[in-house]
Amino acid sequence: MEKIEVMQDVLSANEYIAQENRKHFKKKGALVINIMSSPGSGKTSLIIETIKRLKDWKIVVIEGDVEGDVDAKKIEETGIPAIQINTSGACHLDARMIHKALQKMNDEKVDLVLIENVGNLICPTSYNLGEDYKVVILSLPEGEDKPLKYPRIFQVADLLVLNKIDMEGPADFNFKNFNKIINKVNPKLEMAPVSCKSGKGMDKWIDWIKGVHAKDQD
């Protein structure tokens, strides 16, 4: 019972800071997307391809990793600022970490903040960061059964980006079975099949961003 109470306190404190983060983001006019997935599914690749297609947007990337800054350096090569967060062992970002990252952002208006969460299908689901939308990426080589094994992340997500569709054959991914699984886990979940490598399907992903951005500006 004591452990449960401690966890409740942690999440309660996190929620308070998350709401403060949201206020700060709103002052900047930013749409904030929390991108979650397992390691290697293509979070960084999706972010880079997004930056290429939204050249006129003011974008900031917050990069979450356990250690290192490999992905942040890749982002910065595009000319977009990346704020690195190292969790030193934690398997997720939390609102406190994002609050510290906010202090490194200037006071200029921002169109889009992309948060690349730590690669994990479990831990990130419990922590509100102050984002507007949660996006989960699943790549075909991971298999169509992941939503059955890790249902929570697919239930809290606003959009599923199904990446690496160019590997449909080698991955032996069963789309028919996958659609049945998604309908069971979260029938309302929108889906955007893409290939960051070939660019196929990226228009749908970009259209989704533009759509929610316009909605949030109303």
Protein backbone atom coordinates (compact mmCIF):
# COMPACT_ATOMS: atom_id res chain seq x y z
CA MET A 1 0.00 0.00 0.00
CA GLU A 2 2.81 2.39 0.82
CA LYS A 3 4.39 1.88 -2.62
CA ILE A 4 1.09 2.70 -4.30
CA GLU A 5 0.80 5.93 -2.33
CA VAL A 6 4.34 6.93 -3.28
CA MET A 7 3.59 6.33 -6.95
CA GLN A 8 0.41 8.37 -6.68
CA ASP A 9 2.41 11.24 -5.17
CA VAL A 10 4.96 11.05 -7.97
CA LEU A 11 2.31 11.13 -10.69
CA SER A 12 0.42 13.92 -8.93
CA ALA A 13 3.55 16.08 -8.78
CA ASN A 14 4.31 15.24 -12.41
CA GLU A 15 0.82 16.27 -13.48
CA TYR A 16 1.18 19.66 -11.81
CA ILE A 17 4.46 20.38 -13.61
CA ALA A 18 2.98 19.09 -16.88
CA GLN A 19 0.20 21.65 -16.66
CA GLU A 20 2.77 24.39 -16.09
CA ASN A 21 4.70 23.15 -19.13
CA ARG A 22 1.52 23.32 -21.19
CA LYS A 23 1.01 26.96 -20.21
CA HIS A 24 4.55 27.81 -21.31
CA PHE A 25 4.13 26.01 -24.62
CA LYS A 26 0.85 27.80 -25.27
CA LYS A 27 2.51 31.17 -24.68
CA LYS A 28 4.93 30.28 -27.46
CA GLY A 29 2.03 29.24 -29.71
CA ALA A 30 3.53 25.77 -30.06
CA LEU A 31 1.89 22.51 -31.01
CA VAL A 32 3.62 19.86 -28.89
CA ILE A 33 3.82 16.21 -29.93
CA ASN A 34 5.21 13.46 -27.70
CA ILE A 35 6.65 10.72 -29.95
CA MET A 36 6.94 7.31 -28.30
CA SER A 37 8.12 3.91 -29.52
CA SER A 38 10.51 1.06 -28.88
CA PRO A 39 14.20 1.60 -29.76
CA GLY A 40 14.94 1.46 -33.50
CA SER A 41 11.41 2.01 -34.76
CA GLY A 42 12.33 5.27 -36.48
CA LYS A 43 11.56 8.20 -34.15
CA THR A 44 14.58 10.24 -35.20
CA SER A 45 14.08 9.40 -38.88
CA LEU A 46 10.45 10.52 -38.69
CA ILE A 47 11.46 13.79 -37.04
CA ILE A 48 14.12 14.51 -39.67
CA GLU A 49 11.72 13.78 -42.54
CA THR A 50 9.12 15.98 -40.86
CA ILE A 51 11.57 18.87 -40.61
CA LYS A 52 12.35 18.54 -44.33
CA ARG A 53 8.67 18.85 -45.21
CA LEU A 54 7.85 21.74 -42.88
CA LYS A 55 10.63 24.09 -43.95
CA ASP A 56 8.64 27.25 -43.21
CA TRP A 57 7.80 26.18 -39.64
CA LYS A 58 9.66 27.21 -36.53
CA ILE A 59 10.48 23.83 -34.99
CA VAL A 60 12.27 22.78 -31.82
CA VAL A 61 13.15 19.19 -30.95
CA ILE A 62 13.54 17.88 -27.41
CA GLU A 63 15.62 14.72 -27.55
CA GLY A 64 15.32 12.12 -24.78
CA ASP A 65 17.93 9.40 -24.32
CA VAL A 66 19.27 7.37 -21.44
CA GLU A 67 22.82 8.45 -22.38
CA GLY A 68 24.57 10.17 -25.28
CA ASP A 69 23.55 12.72 -27.90
CA VAL A 70 23.79 10.79 -31.18
CA ASP A 71 20.23 11.56 -32.27
CA ALA A 72 20.40 15.21 -31.18
CA LYS A 73 23.44 15.70 -33.42
CA LYS A 74 21.52 14.22 -36.35
CA ILE A 75 18.69 16.68 -35.72
CA GLU A 76 21.04 19.65 -35.50
CA GLU A 77 22.52 18.74 -38.90
CA THR A 78 19.15 19.79 -40.37
CA GLY A 79 19.60 23.28 -38.90
CA ILE A 80 16.92 22.77 -36.26
CA PRO A 81 17.82 23.25 -32.58
CA ALA A 82 17.76 20.11 -30.46
CA ILE A 83 17.67 20.18 -26.67
CA GLN A 84 19.24 17.04 -25.25
CA ILE A 85 17.88 15.35 -22.14
CA ASN A 86 19.80 12.41 -20.68
CA THR A 87 17.76 10.47 -18.13
CA SER A 88 20.77 8.65 -16.62
CA GLY A 89 18.98 5.31 -16.50
CA ALA A 90 15.32 6.33 -16.40
CA CYS A 91 13.24 4.63 -19.10
CA HIS A 92 11.08 7.68 -19.85
CA LEU A 93 10.92 11.45 -19.88
CA ASP A 94 8.87 13.20 -17.22
CA ALA A 95 7.41 16.70 -16.86
CA ARG A 96 10.27 17.92 -14.66
CA MET A 97 12.80 17.09 -17.39
CA ILE A 98 10.73 18.91 -19.99
CA HIS A 99 10.43 21.92 -17.67
CA LYS A 100 14.23 22.14 -17.52
CA ALA A 101 14.39 21.88 -21.32
CA LEU A 102 11.91 24.74 -21.60
CA GLN A 103 14.36 26.98 -19.77
CA LYS A 104 16.82 26.48 -22.63
CA MET A 105 14.31 27.70 -25.23
CA ASN A 106 14.29 31.38 -26.15
CA ASP A 107 11.18 33.55 -25.92
CA GLU A 108 10.44 33.46 -29.65
CA LYS A 109 7.24 31.99 -31.01
CA VAL A 110 7.41 28.32 -32.01
CA ASP A 111 5.12 26.44 -34.39
CA LEU A 112 6.01 22.89 -33.42
CA VAL A 113 7.82 21.12 -30.59
CA LEU A 114 8.64 17.47 -31.24
CA ILE A 115 9.57 15.48 -28.15
CA GLU A 116 11.42 12.25 -28.85
CA ASN A 117 10.79 10.14 -25.78
CA VAL A 118 13.11 7.40 -24.56
CA GLY A 119 12.72 4.18 -26.55
CA ASN A 120 10.32 2.13 -24.45
CA LEU A 121 6.78 0.81 -24.89
CA ILE A 122 5.81 0.84 -21.20
CA CYS A 123 7.23 3.62 -19.00
CA PRO A 124 6.39 6.72 -21.13
CA THR A 125 2.66 6.00 -21.00
CA SER A 126 2.34 7.03 -17.34
CA TYR A 127 3.90 10.48 -17.59
CA ASN A 128 2.17 13.55 -18.95
CA LEU A 129 4.78 15.98 -20.30
CA GLY A 130 2.45 18.87 -21.09
CA GLU A 131 2.11 17.78 -24.71
CA ASP A 132 -0.94 18.29 -26.91
CA TYR A 133 -0.80 14.90 -28.61
CA LYS A 134 0.83 11.53 -28.14
CA VAL A 135 2.07 9.61 -31.19
CA VAL A 136 3.27 6.02 -31.09
CA ILE A 137 5.47 4.55 -33.83
CA LEU A 138 5.48 0.86 -34.67
CA SER A 139 7.79 -0.47 -37.37
CA LEU A 140 6.88 -3.53 -39.42
CA PRO A 141 9.91 -5.61 -38.33
CA GLU A 142 8.64 -5.45 -34.74
CA GLY A 143 5.63 -7.59 -35.69
CA GLU A 144 1.90 -7.06 -35.69
CA ASP A 145 1.41 -8.47 -32.18
CA LYS A 146 3.00 -5.57 -30.27
CA PRO A 147 -0.38 -3.91 -29.42
CA LEU A 148 -1.42 -7.14 -27.70
CA LYS A 149 1.77 -7.26 -25.64
CA TYR A 150 1.92 -3.54 -24.85
CA PRO A 151 -1.68 -2.32 -25.17
CA ARG A 152 -1.46 0.77 -22.97
CA ILE A 153 0.77 2.81 -25.29
CA PHE A 154 -1.63 2.18 -28.18
CA GLN A 155 -4.59 3.14 -26.00
CA VAL A 156 -3.20 6.51 -24.89
CA ALA A 157 -1.88 7.49 -28.34
CA ASP A 158 -3.75 9.92 -30.59
CA LEU A 159 -2.08 8.55 -33.72
CA LEU A 160 -0.20 5.42 -34.74
CA VAL A 161 2.58 5.90 -37.29
CA LEU A 162 3.23 2.52 -38.88
CA ASN A 163 6.79 2.88 -40.13
CA LYS A 164 9.04 0.92 -42.52
CA ILE A 165 6.18 -0.15 -44.79
CA ASP A 166 8.84 -0.63 -47.49
CA MET A 167 9.83 -3.78 -45.54
CA GLU A 168 6.42 -5.43 -45.77
CA GLY A 169 7.77 -8.50 -47.59
CA PRO A 170 10.93 -9.19 -45.56
CA ALA A 171 9.17 -8.40 -42.27
CA ASP A 172 6.35 -10.87 -43.02
CA PHE A 173 3.91 -8.39 -41.50
CA ASN A 174 0.25 -9.48 -41.63
CA PHE A 175 -1.79 -6.28 -42.13
CA LYS A 176 -5.11 -8.09 -41.91
CA ASN A 177 -4.24 -9.57 -38.54
CA PHE A 178 -2.77 -6.26 -37.38
CA ASN A 179 -5.97 -4.36 -38.17
CA LYS A 180 -7.95 -6.89 -36.14
CA ILE A 181 -5.60 -6.43 -33.20
CA ILE A 182 -5.78 -2.63 -33.35
CA ASN A 183 -9.58 -2.75 -33.52
CA LYS A 184 -9.52 -4.84 -30.37
CA VAL A 185 -7.01 -2.70 -28.46
CA ASN A 186 -8.13 0.77 -29.62
CA PRO A 187 -10.69 0.94 -32.43
CA LYS A 188 -10.57 4.77 -32.47
CA LEU A 189 -6.82 4.98 -33.08
CA GLU A 190 -5.93 6.80 -36.30
CA MET A 191 -3.16 5.27 -38.39
CA ALA A 192 -0.58 6.71 -40.79
CA PRO A 193 1.45 4.04 -42.64
CA VAL A 194 4.77 5.55 -43.77
CA SER A 195 8.25 4.78 -45.00
CA CYS A 196 10.76 7.33 -43.76
CA LYS A 197 13.26 5.76 -46.16
CA SER A 198 11.25 6.13 -49.37
CA GLY A 199 8.92 8.94 -48.29
CA LYS A 200 5.81 6.91 -49.04
CA GLY A 201 2.86 7.92 -46.87
CA MET A 202 4.61 10.94 -45.36
CA ASP A 203 2.00 13.30 -46.81
CA LYS A 204 -0.65 11.77 -44.55
CA TRP A 205 1.52 12.29 -41.49
CA ILE A 206 2.25 15.91 -42.45
CA ASP A 207 -1.43 16.54 -43.17
CA TRP A 208 -2.27 15.22 -39.71
CA ILE A 209 0.21 17.64 -38.10
CA LYS A 210 -1.17 20.56 -40.10
CA GLY A 211 -4.72 19.56 -39.20
CA VAL A 212 -4.18 19.38 -35.44
CA HIS A 213 -2.09 22.55 -35.55
CA ALA A 214 -4.90 24.46 -37.26
CA LYS A 215 -7.40 23.01 -34.79
CA ASP A 216 -5.32 24.12 -31.81
CA GLN A 217 -4.98 27.63 -33.22
CA ASP A 218 -8.76 28.13 -33.34
